[in-house]
Amino acid sequence: MSNIEKNSSLKDVTIGVGILSWKSHKTLEKSLQSYEKVGFKELFDEVKIIFQEISPEDKALAEKYGYDYVGTDNNLGIQHGHKLIHDNLSTDYVIVLENDNPVIVDTKTLKERVLNSLKHLESGKIDVMRLRHRWNFGEGFSLEKYTEYYEIENLHDKYSSDKIQSSVFSSFTKKLKRIFRPEKALRIAGYSLYFEKEPEKIFPLYIKKIDDEIFSVSSNILTWTNQSAFLKRKFYGELIDYAYSNPSSRTSNSFQDLEKPLNVKWWRDQNYKIGVCEGVFTHNRFDDSWRKSHHAYNKSIIN
C-alpha cells in the first residue's frame, strides 16, 4: 500500500509505476539507486519493471533492489513495452518511466509533487502530468527550436541562461518564420513552459496556470511524451489502443514507439490538457545507445 499521505477524497485512489527496460544495466542501476535514496517503491501501490529480452543480469538487478518484474524473451519495441506496463498494473493511475529516468528530488518533494499532480488529475483540470523535471531535464530534450521562432520575454529565474544557445535569427526573422509557418510555430509554443516565467500570459488561449508552478497546456501545442508521464490507467490504455490502430510510417529501432503514432494532427485536435509542473525525474543514460542522435551511439546495438 502506498504511504503517500492522501487526503480523504483521494485515500482510495491507487498509483502504480511501470519502468520499461531493455539491456542498459548501468543505466537502470543508477536509476534504481536514486529510487532507493527516496524510498521510492514503498510510496506506491505497485511498482514493476518491464524487461524486454530479459537476461540473468536483469533479474539479478530487480532482485537486488527488491522489485517485481515481468520479462519477454525478445525485444518487442517501445510501444509493446507500454502495453505490457498497462496490462501488468492494476492501479487507478500509472506513472510511466524508462530505465534512464532517475529521481532528482528528495522524498518530501517527491511526495508533494506526486500528490499535487494526483489532485489535479482527479479534478479533471489535467489529463496527464509531465513529471520530467522542468529545469534539470537531462539529455535528449531539445529546446532550440523554440528560440528559432520566439524571443524569450521574461526568463524564469530557475532556468539557467547558460543553457540557451544563441539563435542566428533576428527578431524580425523570427516574426517572419511565425507568419510563414504558423502551424509549426504553434506546435512548439508549449516549450515556452521551459523558458518563460509567465507562459500563460504569452499563450493565454493554450496555457492556464492552475497552481503554483503548475500549468494546464493544450495538446494543440504540447506533445505526448513516453517519459515520466502520470495519468489514469484507463486513459493510458485508450492512447495505446489508438496507437496500435494507427501505426506510424516512422519507427524507432524498427519498432513502433507510441510517441510517433500519437504525436500527429489527431493528438493536437483532441485538446487534451497536459499538466506541466516542476517535476521529479530527469533523463540520464550510462550505457551505449541504439539511437543515432545519441552522444553514446553504438552501431553494434541491434534489435
Protein backbone atom coordinates (compact mmCIF):
# COMPACT_ATOMS: atom_id res chain seq x y z
CA MET A 1 0.00 0.00 0.00
CA SER A 2 1.22 3.47 -0.86
CA ASN A 3 2.43 5.60 2.03
CA ILE A 4 1.92 8.84 0.13
CA GLU A 5 -0.35 10.67 2.56
CA LYS A 6 -3.52 11.31 0.60
CA ASN A 7 -6.36 13.46 1.85
CA SER A 8 -9.75 11.88 2.50
CA SER A 9 -11.03 12.35 -1.05
CA LEU A 10 -8.01 10.55 -2.51
CA LYS A 11 -7.35 7.87 0.08
CA ASP A 12 -8.83 5.06 -2.03
CA VAL A 13 -7.05 6.07 -5.25
CA THR A 14 -4.19 3.73 -6.22
CA ILE A 15 -0.98 4.60 -8.07
CA GLY A 16 1.32 2.21 -9.89
CA VAL A 17 4.69 2.69 -11.56
CA GLY A 18 5.92 0.87 -14.66
CA ILE A 19 9.60 1.02 -15.63
CA LEU A 20 10.38 -0.02 -19.20
CA SER A 21 13.87 -1.51 -19.68
CA TRP A 22 15.90 -3.13 -22.45
CA LYS A 23 19.52 -4.03 -21.67
CA SER A 24 21.31 -0.90 -20.29
CA HIS A 25 22.18 -2.36 -16.90
CA LYS A 26 24.41 0.53 -15.78
CA THR A 27 21.65 2.99 -16.57
CA LEU A 28 18.93 1.01 -14.82
CA GLU A 29 21.05 0.52 -11.71
CA LYS A 30 21.75 4.26 -11.48
CA SER A 31 18.00 4.90 -11.61
CA LEU A 32 17.24 2.21 -9.03
CA GLN A 33 19.91 3.65 -6.74
CA SER A 34 18.24 7.06 -6.95
CA TYR A 35 14.92 5.43 -6.07
CA GLU A 36 16.45 3.75 -3.03
CA LYS A 37 17.51 7.13 -1.64
CA VAL A 38 13.90 8.33 -1.51
CA GLY A 39 12.19 5.05 -0.56
CA PHE A 40 10.54 5.04 -3.96
CA LYS A 41 8.86 1.64 -4.20
CA GLU A 42 7.35 1.99 -0.74
CA LEU A 43 5.49 5.13 -1.82
CA PHE A 44 3.28 3.44 -4.41
CA ASP A 45 0.73 0.65 -4.54
CA GLU A 46 2.53 -1.27 -7.32
CA VAL A 47 5.95 -0.86 -8.94
CA LYS A 48 7.07 -3.20 -11.72
CA ILE A 49 9.98 -3.32 -14.13
CA ILE A 50 9.12 -4.48 -17.65
CA PHE A 51 12.19 -6.18 -19.13
CA GLN A 52 12.33 -6.85 -22.85
CA GLU A 53 14.70 -9.59 -23.97
CA ILE A 54 15.12 -10.40 -20.30
CA SER A 55 18.55 -11.59 -19.14
CA PRO A 56 20.05 -13.02 -15.94
CA GLU A 57 21.53 -9.55 -15.32
CA ASP A 58 18.05 -8.02 -15.48
CA LYS A 59 16.66 -10.50 -12.98
CA ALA A 60 19.63 -10.00 -10.67
CA LEU A 61 19.16 -6.21 -10.65
CA ALA A 62 15.43 -6.43 -9.91
CA GLU A 63 16.04 -8.91 -7.11
CA LYS A 64 18.95 -6.90 -5.69
CA TYR A 65 16.70 -3.86 -5.21
CA GLY A 66 13.52 -5.78 -4.41
CA TYR A 67 11.40 -5.01 -7.48
CA ASP A 68 8.67 -7.09 -9.07
CA TYR A 69 9.30 -7.63 -12.76
CA VAL A 70 7.90 -9.04 -15.98
CA GLY A 71 10.08 -10.21 -18.84
CA THR A 72 9.80 -11.09 -22.52
CA ASP A 73 12.17 -13.39 -24.38
CA ASN A 74 12.55 -10.99 -27.31
CA ASN A 75 12.70 -7.24 -27.79
CA LEU A 76 9.19 -6.24 -28.85
CA GLY A 77 9.76 -2.48 -29.03
CA ILE A 78 8.79 0.55 -27.01
CA GLN A 79 5.10 0.60 -27.86
CA HIS A 80 4.59 -3.01 -26.88
CA GLY A 81 6.53 -2.28 -23.72
CA HIS A 82 3.94 0.34 -22.85
CA LYS A 83 1.19 -2.19 -23.43
CA LEU A 84 2.97 -4.53 -21.02
CA ILE A 85 3.13 -1.76 -18.41
CA HIS A 86 -0.60 -1.14 -18.82
CA ASP A 87 -1.53 -4.83 -18.75
CA ASN A 88 0.64 -5.70 -15.74
CA LEU A 89 -0.53 -2.94 -13.42
CA SER A 90 -3.98 -2.84 -11.86
CA THR A 91 -3.92 0.61 -10.24
CA ASP A 92 -6.18 3.57 -11.00
CA TYR A 93 -3.22 5.70 -12.07
CA VAL A 94 0.11 4.91 -13.69
CA ILE A 95 3.47 6.67 -13.71
CA VAL A 96 5.30 5.62 -16.87
CA LEU A 97 9.11 5.54 -16.72
CA GLU A 98 12.03 4.24 -18.74
CA ASN A 99 15.22 2.83 -17.28
CA ASP A 100 17.02 6.16 -17.68
CA ASN A 101 14.66 8.28 -15.55
CA PRO A 102 16.26 8.72 -12.11
CA VAL A 103 14.66 10.75 -9.34
CA ILE A 104 16.48 14.03 -8.63
CA VAL A 105 14.43 15.43 -5.73
CA ASP A 106 14.17 14.44 -2.07
CA THR A 107 11.42 12.27 -0.58
CA LYS A 108 9.36 15.20 0.70
CA THR A 109 9.38 16.97 -2.67
CA LEU A 110 8.58 13.73 -4.50
CA LYS A 111 5.56 13.08 -2.30
CA GLU A 112 4.30 16.66 -2.56
CA ARG A 113 4.57 16.84 -6.34
CA VAL A 114 3.02 13.43 -6.96
CA LEU A 115 0.13 14.16 -4.59
CA ASN A 116 -0.45 17.61 -6.05
CA SER A 117 -0.43 16.11 -9.54
CA LEU A 118 -2.95 13.47 -8.44
CA LYS A 119 -5.21 16.19 -7.07
CA HIS A 120 -5.32 17.97 -10.41
CA LEU A 121 -5.74 14.73 -12.36
CA GLU A 122 -8.67 13.72 -10.17
CA SER A 123 -10.30 17.14 -10.50
CA GLY A 124 -10.13 16.92 -14.30
CA LYS A 125 -8.01 20.05 -14.63
CA ILE A 126 -5.45 17.95 -16.50
CA ASP A 127 -5.48 14.64 -18.37
CA VAL A 128 -1.81 13.77 -17.95
CA MET A 129 1.00 15.26 -15.89
CA ARG A 130 4.57 15.53 -17.13
CA LEU A 131 6.87 14.60 -14.24
CA ARG A 132 10.16 15.16 -16.07
CA HIS A 133 11.98 17.94 -14.24
CA ARG A 134 11.25 21.31 -15.77
CA TRP A 135 14.69 22.77 -15.11
CA ASN A 136 17.01 19.77 -14.83
CA PHE A 137 15.51 17.81 -17.72
CA GLY A 138 18.68 15.93 -18.65
CA GLU A 139 19.78 14.77 -22.07
CA GLY A 140 17.81 14.36 -25.27
CA PHE A 141 15.48 17.33 -24.73
CA SER A 142 15.92 19.99 -27.40
CA LEU A 143 14.60 23.49 -26.75
CA GLU A 144 16.46 25.26 -29.54
CA LYS A 145 13.52 25.17 -31.96
CA TYR A 146 11.57 27.47 -29.66
CA THR A 147 14.20 30.21 -29.85
CA GLU A 148 14.22 29.94 -33.65
CA TYR A 149 10.63 31.21 -33.63
CA TYR A 150 10.22 33.21 -30.43
CA GLU A 151 12.04 35.73 -28.30
CA ILE A 152 12.20 34.94 -24.58
CA GLU A 153 10.18 37.65 -22.89
CA ASN A 154 10.77 37.02 -19.19
CA LEU A 155 13.25 34.23 -18.47
CA HIS A 156 12.30 32.17 -15.44
CA ASP A 157 14.79 32.65 -12.62
CA LYS A 158 15.08 28.86 -12.18
CA TYR A 159 16.22 28.37 -15.77
CA SER A 160 19.92 28.71 -16.43
CA SER A 161 20.61 31.21 -19.20
CA ASP A 162 23.82 29.29 -19.90
CA LYS A 163 21.67 26.52 -21.41
CA ILE A 164 20.21 28.81 -24.06
CA GLN A 165 22.07 28.57 -27.34
CA SER A 166 22.28 31.85 -29.21
CA SER A 167 19.93 31.93 -32.18
CA VAL A 168 21.23 33.14 -35.53
CA PHE A 169 17.77 34.54 -36.28
CA SER A 170 16.91 38.17 -35.57
CA SER A 171 13.60 39.19 -34.01
CA PHE A 172 12.36 40.22 -37.46
CA THR A 173 13.33 36.87 -38.97
CA LYS A 174 11.58 35.02 -36.15
CA LYS A 175 8.45 37.04 -36.80
CA LEU A 176 8.60 36.12 -40.48
CA LYS A 177 9.02 32.45 -39.59
CA ARG A 178 5.89 32.65 -37.43
CA ILE A 179 3.98 34.34 -40.26
CA PHE A 180 5.00 31.91 -42.98
CA ARG A 181 4.99 28.76 -40.82
CA PRO A 182 2.18 29.44 -38.31
CA GLU A 183 1.31 25.78 -37.69
CA LYS A 184 4.94 24.89 -36.94
CA ALA A 185 5.26 27.93 -34.66
CA LEU A 186 2.14 26.94 -32.76
CA ARG A 187 3.25 23.33 -32.35
CA ILE A 188 6.36 24.39 -30.46
CA ALA A 189 4.75 27.14 -28.39
CA GLY A 190 4.38 24.73 -25.48
CA TYR A 191 8.12 24.84 -24.92
CA SER A 192 7.64 28.32 -23.51
CA LEU A 193 6.98 26.42 -20.26
CA TYR A 194 10.69 25.63 -20.10
CA PHE A 195 11.85 29.24 -20.51
CA GLU A 196 9.21 31.74 -19.51
CA LYS A 197 8.24 32.89 -16.04
CA GLU A 198 4.65 33.58 -17.10
CA PRO A 199 3.92 31.48 -20.19
CA GLU A 200 0.18 31.75 -19.59
CA LYS A 201 0.39 35.45 -20.47
CA ILE A 202 2.19 34.77 -23.75
CA PHE A 203 -0.14 32.00 -24.97
CA PRO A 204 -3.36 32.56 -22.98
CA LEU A 205 -5.52 30.53 -25.36
CA TYR A 206 -3.46 27.39 -24.75
CA ILE A 207 -1.81 27.69 -21.33
CA LYS A 208 -3.58 28.12 -17.99
CA LYS A 209 -1.89 28.43 -14.63
CA ILE A 210 -3.72 26.13 -12.21
CA ASP A 211 -1.42 26.16 -9.17
CA ASP A 212 1.97 27.39 -8.03
CA GLU A 213 4.34 26.45 -10.90
CA ILE A 214 1.72 24.08 -12.35
CA PHE A 215 0.16 24.68 -15.74
CA SER A 216 -2.51 23.08 -17.91
CA VAL A 217 -1.38 23.14 -21.54
CA SER A 218 -3.44 22.22 -24.58
CA SER A 219 -2.20 19.21 -26.54
CA ASN A 220 -2.55 21.53 -29.52
CA ILE A 221 0.88 22.92 -28.54
CA LEU A 222 2.46 20.15 -26.44
CA THR A 223 3.16 16.56 -27.44
CA TRP A 224 2.71 13.23 -25.72
CA THR A 225 5.93 12.00 -24.11
CA ASN A 226 6.82 8.41 -23.18
CA GLN A 227 9.00 9.58 -20.30
CA SER A 228 7.76 10.37 -16.82
CA ALA A 229 4.06 10.61 -17.68
CA PHE A 230 1.44 10.34 -14.91
CA LEU A 231 -2.14 9.55 -15.98
CA LYS A 232 -5.19 7.39 -15.44
CA ARG A 233 -4.51 3.80 -16.42
CA LYS A 234 -7.77 3.76 -18.40
CA PHE A 235 -6.70 6.80 -20.43
CA TYR A 236 -3.25 5.25 -20.94
CA GLY A 237 -4.92 2.16 -22.38
CA GLU A 238 -7.02 4.27 -24.74
CA LEU A 239 -3.91 6.01 -26.07
CA ILE A 240 -2.16 2.68 -26.59
CA ASP A 241 -5.19 1.30 -28.43
CA TYR A 242 -5.23 4.34 -30.71
CA ALA A 243 -1.52 3.91 -31.47
CA TYR A 244 -1.98 0.24 -32.38
CA SER A 245 -4.88 1.11 -34.66
CA ASN A 246 -2.96 3.93 -36.33
CA PRO A 247 0.66 2.83 -36.77
CA SER A 248 3.21 5.37 -37.92
CA SER A 249 5.37 5.01 -41.02
CA ARG A 250 8.27 6.16 -38.83
CA THR A 251 9.74 3.75 -36.31
CA SER A 252 12.33 3.56 -33.54
CA ASN A 253 14.84 0.73 -33.85
CA SER A 254 12.39 -0.79 -36.38
CA PHE A 255 9.52 -0.80 -33.86
CA GLN A 256 6.52 1.41 -33.18
CA ASP A 257 7.36 3.69 -30.23
CA LEU A 258 3.96 5.15 -29.15
CA GLU A 259 5.15 8.75 -29.47
CA LYS A 260 5.14 8.83 -33.28
CA PRO A 261 1.63 7.35 -33.75
CA LEU A 262 0.25 9.74 -31.12
CA ASN A 263 2.03 12.97 -31.98
CA VAL A 264 0.08 13.75 -35.13
CA LYS A 265 -2.79 16.08 -36.03
CA TRP A 266 -5.17 13.78 -34.16
CA TRP A 267 -3.40 14.49 -30.86
CA ARG A 268 -3.43 18.23 -31.42
CA ASP A 269 -7.11 18.19 -32.29
CA GLN A 270 -8.10 16.40 -29.08
CA ASN A 271 -7.20 19.43 -26.95
CA TYR A 272 -6.11 17.19 -24.10
CA LYS A 273 -4.96 19.08 -21.03
CA ILE A 274 -1.26 18.40 -20.42
CA GLY A 275 -0.02 19.23 -16.93
CA VAL A 276 3.46 20.67 -16.52
CA CYS A 277 4.94 21.03 -13.04
CA GLU A 278 8.49 21.40 -11.74
CA GLY A 279 8.86 17.62 -11.95
CA VAL A 280 10.85 14.93 -10.14
CA PHE A 281 12.64 12.82 -12.79
CA THR A 282 15.43 13.58 -15.25
CA HIS A 283 16.88 11.66 -18.22
CA ASN A 284 20.40 10.24 -17.90
CA ARG A 285 21.90 7.29 -19.74
CA PHE A 286 25.11 5.50 -18.75
CA ASP A 287 25.21 2.77 -21.43
CA ASP A 288 25.71 2.94 -25.18
CA SER A 289 22.59 3.77 -27.19
CA TRP A 290 20.98 2.45 -30.37
CA ARG A 291 19.79 5.97 -31.22
CA LYS A 292 21.97 7.55 -33.93
CA SER A 293 21.39 11.03 -32.47
CA HIS A 294 22.65 9.99 -29.02
CA HIS A 295 26.14 11.00 -27.91
CA ALA A 296 26.84 7.37 -26.94
CA TYR A 297 25.51 5.82 -30.15
CA ASN A 298 26.90 2.34 -30.80
CA LYS A 299 26.03 0.85 -34.18
CA SER A 300 26.63 -2.67 -32.87
CA ILE A 301 23.45 -2.43 -30.78
CA ILE A 302 20.68 -4.06 -32.78
CA ASN A 303 17.15 -5.35 -32.11
